[in-house]
C-alpha cells in the first residue's frame, strides 16, 4: 500500500485544522467530545505521516548532496540509514490507515461455556475466566461478572462478564472460538491425559441507539431462582427469562436478588447478542467464518490448545507455540498471543489492499 506525498499532506492539513478547532475554545458539549475523539485517533497517524514526509524530504536532499565530492561520503552514510528505516515507517503508517472495525473501541461481553469434557471442561472454563480477569487487570480494564452457572466441582458451566476500558473489543475479539485443554485431571488416578474444551464468545457492547428493542417483541417470564444453596437462592420470583420473539434469542438471569436488576442485566446481554447478530448479517461470509470458528464446543473445532504436560500453548490460526503455559494461564503472557494475532490480521489486510 503505497502512500502518496499528497495523501501525507492531506493528513497533516486535517490534523492542523482539528488542532486549531480544539484550541479555539468555541467547541462545547457533544461537538467538543466528537472533536476530542477525532483528535485522539488522528494524532498518532499524523505523527507517523509527518515522520514519513520528513524522511522522504531528507532522502531527496541527501541525493542532491551526492553530487558534492566533499559531502558525498556523509550523504551516502545517512542515505543508507534513512532508506533502511523508511519502509518500516511507511508500513506502520499503512497499518494506522487500515479501516477500523467500528466496534473496536467498545466495551465487550465475554461469554465462556464449558464444552466437551464434563467436570474437567467446567474447571477449564473457570481457568479461562481467571486468565481474562488477570489480563483485563493488566490492561487497566474493569471486568464485572454478569451471570455464572457454577459446576459442582468448581469452575463454570457458563459465565458471562462485562469488560470496559480502552480498546477492549479490538483485542479480545481474537479470543472467540473453541479453546482446548490437555491435562491430567486431579480426579484421574491413572495419570491419563484428558482432552476437554470450552467456547469463548466476545460480543461488542452496543448503545441503545444501535439496537432498538420493541417491548412488544419480548416475552418475559419470572420464576424462582434455583441453585446449590447459599446467597444466590431466595424465596421470591426474582429470576428473569427474556425471549426476543423475532430472533428467538433467549437470555436468563438469576444472580441478583432483585427482579429489576436481573431484568436489566438480561437486557444488557440480549442487546449485545442482537447487535452481534446485526453485525454478522452485515458482514456476510466473514460472519459465517466466525460462527464456524466458535463452533459447538466440540474439542476438534479448536483455535488454541493448552497442553499442560508439555507446558505449551499453541494458537492454531497462526501456528504460534509458546512454551510458557503457566504465564499464559496467569494472563501475563496472553498479550503475546493476542499481539501476534493482531499483527497477522493487519498483515492480511495490508496484503489484500496491495493485491
Protein backbone atom coordinates (compact mmCIF):
# COMPACT_ATOMS: atom_id res chain seq x y z
CA UNK A 1 0.00 0.00 0.00
CA UNK A 2 1.97 2.99 -1.29
CA UNK A 3 1.06 6.34 0.28
CA UNK A 4 1.49 9.39 -1.94
CA UNK A 5 3.04 12.67 -0.80
CA UNK A 6 -0.34 14.30 -1.48
CA UNK A 7 -2.01 11.88 0.98
CA UNK A 8 0.62 12.80 3.59
CA UNK A 9 -0.18 16.50 3.08
CA UNK A 10 -3.91 15.81 3.45
CA UNK A 11 -3.34 14.04 6.78
CA UNK A 12 -1.15 16.93 8.02
CA UNK A 13 -3.69 19.54 6.95
CA UNK A 14 -6.59 17.66 8.55
CA UNK A 15 -4.70 17.36 11.83
CA UNK A 16 -3.67 21.05 11.82
CA UNK A 17 -7.29 22.03 11.16
CA UNK A 18 -8.50 19.83 14.03
CA UNK A 19 -5.80 21.21 16.33
CA UNK A 20 -6.89 24.78 15.54
CA UNK A 21 -10.55 23.93 16.26
CA UNK A 22 -9.63 22.34 19.58
CA UNK A 23 -7.56 25.39 20.57
CA UNK A 24 -10.23 27.91 19.50
CA UNK A 25 -12.34 27.41 22.62
CA UNK A 26 -15.53 27.52 20.56
CA UNK A 27 -16.41 23.83 20.84
CA UNK A 28 -18.82 22.73 23.53
CA UNK A 29 -20.77 19.66 24.62
CA UNK A 30 -21.07 16.87 22.05
CA UNK A 31 -19.11 18.83 19.43
CA UNK A 32 -16.12 19.03 21.80
CA UNK A 33 -16.40 15.31 22.69
CA UNK A 34 -16.53 14.33 18.99
CA UNK A 35 -13.57 16.60 18.11
CA UNK A 36 -11.55 15.22 21.07
CA UNK A 37 -12.19 11.66 19.90
CA UNK A 38 -11.17 12.54 16.30
CA UNK A 39 -8.05 14.28 17.62
CA UNK A 40 -7.01 11.29 19.74
CA UNK A 41 -7.49 8.93 16.77
CA UNK A 42 -5.69 11.16 14.27
CA UNK A 43 -2.74 12.29 16.42
CA UNK A 44 -0.62 9.07 16.14
CA UNK A 45 -1.44 8.81 12.41
CA UNK A 46 -0.46 12.46 11.83
CA UNK A 47 2.83 11.96 13.72
CA UNK A 48 3.72 8.87 11.66
CA UNK A 49 2.72 10.67 8.44
CA UNK A 50 4.92 13.62 9.44
CA UNK A 51 7.85 11.26 10.12
CA UNK A 52 7.44 9.63 6.69
CA UNK A 53 7.21 13.03 4.94
CA UNK A 54 10.35 14.25 6.76
CA UNK A 55 12.29 11.10 5.86
CA UNK A 56 11.30 11.37 2.19
CA UNK A 57 12.36 15.05 2.09
CA UNK A 58 15.69 14.28 3.77
CA UNK A 59 16.35 11.44 1.30
CA UNK A 60 15.75 13.87 -1.59
CA UNK A 61 18.10 16.46 -0.05
CA UNK A 62 20.80 13.85 0.58
CA UNK A 63 20.53 12.55 -3.00
CA UNK A 64 21.21 16.11 -4.21
CA UNK A 65 24.27 16.28 -1.94
CA UNK A 66 25.83 13.21 -3.60
CA UNK A 67 26.99 15.48 -6.44
CA UNK A 68 29.22 17.38 -3.97
CA UNK A 69 32.50 15.41 -3.54
CA UNK A 70 33.07 16.88 -0.06
CA UNK A 71 29.62 15.86 1.17
CA UNK A 72 29.28 12.57 -0.69
CA UNK A 73 30.66 10.19 1.98
CA UNK A 74 28.49 11.67 4.76
CA UNK A 75 25.42 11.79 2.49
CA UNK A 76 25.84 8.14 1.47
CA UNK A 77 26.01 7.04 5.12
CA UNK A 78 22.90 8.98 6.12
CA UNK A 79 21.08 7.88 2.96
CA UNK A 80 21.69 4.21 3.75
CA UNK A 81 20.23 4.63 7.25
CA UNK A 82 17.16 6.56 6.03
CA UNK A 83 16.46 4.20 3.11
CA UNK A 84 16.63 1.31 5.58
CA UNK A 85 14.22 2.97 8.05
CA UNK A 86 11.69 4.41 5.58
CA UNK A 87 9.91 1.15 4.55
CA UNK A 88 9.08 0.28 8.20
CA UNK A 89 7.76 3.82 8.84
CA UNK A 90 5.61 3.56 5.68
CA UNK A 91 4.35 0.14 6.80
CA UNK A 92 3.39 1.49 10.22
CA UNK A 93 1.50 4.34 8.53
CA UNK A 94 -0.27 1.89 6.22
CA UNK A 95 -1.36 -0.14 9.26
CA UNK A 96 -2.57 3.02 11.03
CA UNK A 97 -4.64 3.92 7.95
CA UNK A 98 -6.31 0.50 7.64
CA UNK A 99 -10.11 0.69 8.02
CA UNK A 100 -11.05 0.08 11.62
CA UNK A 101 -13.86 -2.12 12.86
CA UNK A 102 -16.38 0.38 14.21
CA UNK A 103 -16.77 -1.81 17.31
CA UNK A 104 -13.04 -1.90 18.20
CA UNK A 105 -13.22 0.85 20.81
CA UNK A 106 -16.27 -0.60 22.54
CA UNK A 107 -16.66 -2.47 25.80
CA UNK A 108 -17.45 -6.16 25.38
CA UNK A 109 -19.49 -9.02 26.79
CA UNK A 110 -17.34 -12.09 27.41
CA UNK A 111 -19.17 -15.44 27.43
CA UNK A 112 -17.38 -18.68 28.35
CA UNK A 113 -19.13 -22.06 28.24
CA UNK A 114 -17.85 -25.50 29.18
CA UNK A 115 -17.90 -27.79 26.15
CA UNK A 116 -16.79 -31.41 25.73
CA UNK A 117 -15.27 -32.94 28.84
CA UNK A 118 -17.76 -32.71 31.70
CA UNK A 119 -16.33 -31.56 35.04
CA UNK A 120 -12.87 -31.03 33.59
CA UNK A 121 -14.34 -28.70 30.91
CA UNK A 122 -16.06 -26.66 33.63
CA UNK A 123 -12.79 -26.37 35.57
CA UNK A 124 -11.07 -25.23 32.38
CA UNK A 125 -13.82 -22.64 31.75
CA UNK A 126 -13.02 -21.31 35.23
CA UNK A 127 -9.30 -21.18 34.37
CA UNK A 128 -10.07 -19.22 31.21
CA UNK A 129 -12.26 -16.76 33.08
CA UNK A 130 -9.49 -16.09 35.63
CA UNK A 131 -6.98 -15.72 32.76
CA UNK A 132 -9.12 -12.98 31.21
CA UNK A 133 -9.65 -11.37 34.63
CA UNK A 134 -5.89 -11.04 35.09
CA UNK A 135 -5.30 -9.92 31.50
CA UNK A 136 -8.02 -7.27 31.94
CA UNK A 137 -6.34 -6.04 35.14
CA UNK A 138 -3.01 -5.78 33.27
CA UNK A 139 -4.69 -3.70 30.57
CA UNK A 140 -6.27 -1.40 33.16
CA UNK A 141 -9.77 -2.63 32.22
CA UNK A 142 -12.67 -3.31 34.55
CA UNK A 143 -14.40 -6.69 34.47
CA UNK A 144 -17.72 -7.38 36.16
CA UNK A 145 -19.42 -10.78 36.26
CA UNK A 146 -22.96 -10.58 34.87
CA UNK A 147 -24.03 -14.18 35.49
CA UNK A 148 -22.48 -17.53 36.28
CA UNK A 149 -23.57 -21.15 36.49
CA UNK A 150 -21.05 -22.93 38.69
CA UNK A 151 -20.29 -26.63 38.42
CA UNK A 152 -20.37 -28.97 41.44
CA UNK A 153 -16.60 -29.50 41.35
CA UNK A 154 -15.66 -25.84 40.77
CA UNK A 155 -15.28 -23.80 37.61
CA UNK A 156 -18.22 -22.78 35.45
CA UNK A 157 -20.72 -24.45 33.18
CA UNK A 158 -21.26 -20.93 31.84
CA UNK A 159 -20.08 -17.44 32.84
CA UNK A 160 -20.87 -14.04 31.31
CA UNK A 161 -18.89 -10.89 32.13
CA UNK A 162 -18.89 -7.24 31.07
CA UNK A 163 -15.49 -5.67 30.32
CA UNK A 164 -14.89 -1.93 29.95
CA UNK A 165 -11.74 0.02 29.12
CA UNK A 166 -9.55 1.21 26.27
CA UNK A 167 -9.77 -0.95 23.11
CA UNK A 168 -11.43 -3.93 24.81
CA UNK A 169 -13.15 -5.45 21.76
CA UNK A 170 -10.18 -4.68 19.46
CA UNK A 171 -8.03 -7.10 21.47
CA UNK A 172 -10.47 -9.64 22.85
CA UNK A 173 -12.32 -10.34 19.58
CA UNK A 174 -9.47 -12.67 18.58
CA UNK A 175 -10.26 -14.86 21.61
CA UNK A 176 -13.60 -16.01 20.19
CA UNK A 177 -13.61 -19.71 19.39
CA UNK A 178 -13.02 -23.13 20.94
CA UNK A 179 -10.17 -23.44 23.44
CA UNK A 180 -8.91 -26.97 24.09
CA UNK A 181 -7.04 -28.21 27.15
CA UNK A 182 -4.94 -31.36 27.53
CA UNK A 183 -4.04 -32.31 31.12
CA UNK A 184 -4.31 -34.96 33.81
CA UNK A 185 -7.40 -34.19 35.93
CA UNK A 186 -6.92 -34.19 39.70
CA UNK A 187 -9.52 -36.97 39.89
CA UNK A 188 -7.56 -39.20 37.48
CA UNK A 189 -5.66 -41.83 39.48
CA UNK A 190 -4.06 -43.48 36.46
CA UNK A 191 -2.29 -40.32 35.27
CA UNK A 192 -4.05 -40.34 31.89
CA UNK A 193 -4.24 -37.10 29.94
CA UNK A 194 -7.79 -35.92 29.23
CA UNK A 195 -8.83 -33.52 26.48
CA UNK A 196 -11.60 -31.02 27.21
CA UNK A 197 -12.88 -27.84 25.61
CA UNK A 198 -14.62 -24.56 26.35
CA UNK A 199 -16.07 -21.99 23.96
CA UNK A 200 -15.38 -18.29 24.22
CA UNK A 201 -17.62 -15.65 22.63
CA UNK A 202 -16.76 -11.94 22.65
CA UNK A 203 -19.57 -9.54 21.75
CA UNK A 204 -19.11 -5.78 21.36
CA UNK A 205 -21.45 -3.83 23.60
CA UNK A 206 -23.96 -1.74 21.64
CA UNK A 207 -25.59 1.50 22.67
CA UNK A 208 -29.37 1.79 22.89
CA UNK A 209 -29.18 3.74 19.61
CA UNK A 210 -27.50 0.77 17.88
CA UNK A 211 -30.18 -1.70 18.92
CA UNK A 212 -33.77 -0.56 19.32
CA UNK A 213 -35.79 -3.21 21.14
CA UNK A 214 -39.57 -3.11 20.94
CA UNK A 215 -41.11 -4.22 24.25
CA UNK A 216 -43.86 -5.94 22.23
CA UNK A 217 -41.19 -8.26 20.78
CA UNK A 218 -40.28 -9.56 24.24
CA UNK A 219 -41.74 -12.44 26.23
CA UNK A 220 -40.68 -12.00 29.85
CA UNK A 221 -41.02 -14.86 32.36
CA UNK A 222 -40.23 -14.56 36.06
CA UNK A 223 -39.55 -17.57 38.25
CA UNK A 224 -37.86 -18.57 41.49
CA UNK A 225 -34.07 -18.68 41.39
CA UNK A 226 -32.56 -22.12 41.81
CA UNK A 227 -29.06 -23.19 42.69
CA UNK A 228 -26.85 -25.18 45.02
CA UNK A 229 -27.81 -23.07 48.03
CA UNK A 230 -26.23 -20.05 49.64
CA UNK A 231 -26.82 -16.38 49.00
CA UNK A 232 -27.99 -16.71 45.37
CA UNK A 233 -31.12 -18.67 46.24
CA UNK A 234 -34.15 -16.86 47.62
CA UNK A 235 -37.85 -17.42 48.05
CA UNK A 236 -39.18 -14.77 45.66
CA UNK A 237 -39.76 -14.89 41.92
CA UNK A 238 -36.68 -12.76 41.14
CA UNK A 239 -35.18 -14.77 38.26
CA UNK A 240 -35.95 -13.43 34.78
CA UNK A 241 -36.04 -15.11 31.38
CA UNK A 242 -36.40 -12.86 28.32
CA UNK A 243 -37.25 -14.28 24.90
CA UNK A 244 -36.80 -12.00 21.91
CA UNK A 245 -39.57 -13.36 19.68
CA UNK A 246 -38.36 -12.17 16.21
CA UNK A 247 -34.85 -13.65 16.64
CA UNK A 248 -35.59 -16.49 19.07
CA UNK A 249 -32.73 -15.36 21.34
CA UNK A 250 -33.32 -16.35 25.00
CA UNK A 251 -31.48 -14.77 27.94
CA UNK A 252 -31.95 -15.86 31.57
CA UNK A 253 -30.63 -14.07 34.63
CA UNK A 254 -30.97 -15.05 38.29
CA UNK A 255 -27.80 -13.88 40.07
CA UNK A 256 -29.34 -10.79 41.67
CA UNK A 257 -31.94 -10.82 44.46
CA UNK A 258 -33.88 -8.07 42.70
CA UNK A 259 -36.10 -8.92 39.72
CA UNK A 260 -35.47 -5.40 38.40
CA UNK A 261 -31.67 -5.88 38.46
CA UNK A 262 -31.94 -9.31 36.84
CA UNK A 263 -34.07 -7.86 34.06
CA UNK A 264 -31.58 -5.01 33.48
CA UNK A 265 -28.66 -7.46 33.22
CA UNK A 266 -30.63 -9.79 30.94
CA UNK A 267 -31.46 -6.85 28.65
CA UNK A 268 -27.78 -5.88 28.55
CA UNK A 269 -26.84 -9.38 27.36
CA UNK A 270 -29.78 -9.52 24.93
CA UNK A 271 -28.80 -6.18 23.39
CA UNK A 272 -25.21 -7.41 22.87
CA UNK A 273 -26.38 -10.66 21.22
CA UNK A 274 -28.79 -8.80 18.92
CA UNK A 275 -26.04 -6.35 17.97
CA UNK A 276 -23.70 -9.23 17.15
CA UNK A 277 -26.46 -10.78 15.02
CA UNK A 278 -26.84 -7.49 13.12
CA UNK A 279 -23.06 -7.30 12.60
CA UNK A 280 -22.98 -10.92 11.42
CA UNK A 281 -25.70 -10.24 8.86
CA UNK A 282 -23.90 -7.11 7.67
CA UNK A 283 -20.57 -8.91 7.28
CA UNK A 284 -21.98 -11.96 5.49
CA UNK A 285 -19.30 -14.52 4.66
CA UNK A 286 -16.90 -13.16 7.28
CA UNK A 287 -19.58 -13.78 9.91
CA UNK A 288 -20.13 -17.35 8.70
CA UNK A 289 -16.41 -18.00 9.08
CA UNK A 290 -16.52 -16.59 12.62
CA UNK A 291 -19.52 -18.73 13.53
CA UNK A 292 -17.73 -21.79 12.21
CA UNK A 293 -14.72 -20.83 14.31
CA UNK A 294 -16.77 -20.60 17.52
CA UNK A 295 -18.40 -23.91 16.68
CA UNK A 296 -20.33 -26.15 19.02
CA UNK A 297 -17.74 -26.73 21.75
CA UNK A 298 -16.58 -30.00 20.25
CA UNK A 299 -12.89 -30.49 21.02
CA UNK A 300 -11.98 -30.95 17.33
CA UNK A 301 -13.01 -27.39 16.40
CA UNK A 302 -10.28 -25.53 18.23
CA UNK A 303 -8.46 -22.23 17.81
CA UNK A 304 -5.99 -22.83 20.66
CA UNK A 305 -4.64 -25.76 22.66
CA UNK A 306 -3.31 -25.55 26.21
CA UNK A 307 -1.10 -28.61 26.77
CA UNK A 308 -0.23 -28.88 30.47
CA UNK A 309 2.10 -31.95 30.35
CA UNK A 310 4.31 -30.16 27.81
CA UNK A 311 3.80 -26.66 29.28
CA UNK A 312 2.90 -25.18 25.92
CA UNK A 313 0.13 -23.15 24.33
CA UNK A 314 -0.47 -23.34 20.57
CA UNK A 315 -2.68 -20.96 18.60
CA UNK A 316 -3.61 -22.98 15.52
CA UNK A 317 -4.70 -20.00 13.40
CA UNK A 318 -1.17 -18.60 13.17
CA UNK A 319 0.82 -21.72 14.13
CA UNK A 320 2.27 -19.93 17.15
CA UNK A 321 3.53 -22.05 20.06
CA UNK A 322 4.69 -20.57 23.36
CA UNK A 323 6.40 -22.80 25.92
CA UNK A 324 5.11 -20.70 28.79
CA UNK A 325 1.71 -22.13 29.64
CA UNK A 326 1.71 -21.01 33.32
CA UNK A 327 2.33 -17.39 32.28
CA UNK A 328 -0.43 -17.54 29.64
CA UNK A 329 -2.96 -19.05 32.06
CA UNK A 330 -1.92 -16.40 34.61
CA UNK A 331 -2.80 -13.78 31.98
CA UNK A 332 0.69 -12.23 31.94
CA UNK A 333 1.77 -13.79 28.62
CA UNK A 334 -1.67 -13.83 26.94
CA UNK A 335 -0.84 -10.45 25.39
CA UNK A 336 1.97 -12.06 23.34
CA UNK A 337 -0.59 -14.29 21.59
CA UNK A 338 -3.14 -11.50 21.14
CA UNK A 339 -0.48 -9.12 19.75
CA UNK A 340 0.66 -11.80 17.28
CA UNK A 341 -2.96 -12.36 16.14
CA UNK A 342 -3.45 -8.60 15.65
CA UNK A 343 -0.20 -8.37 13.65
CA UNK A 344 -1.28 -11.29 11.45
CA UNK A 345 -4.69 -9.68 10.88
CA UNK A 346 -3.03 -6.38 9.91
CA UNK A 347 -0.63 -8.16 7.54
CA UNK A 348 -3.51 -9.96 5.80
CA UNK A 349 -5.49 -6.75 5.39
CA UNK A 350 -2.45 -4.89 4.06
CA UNK A 351 -1.83 -7.71 1.56
CA UNK A 352 -5.47 -7.51 0.46
CA UNK A 353 -5.15 -3.77 -0.17
CA UNK A 354 -1.87 -4.21 -2.08
CA UNK A 355 -3.46 -7.00 -4.14
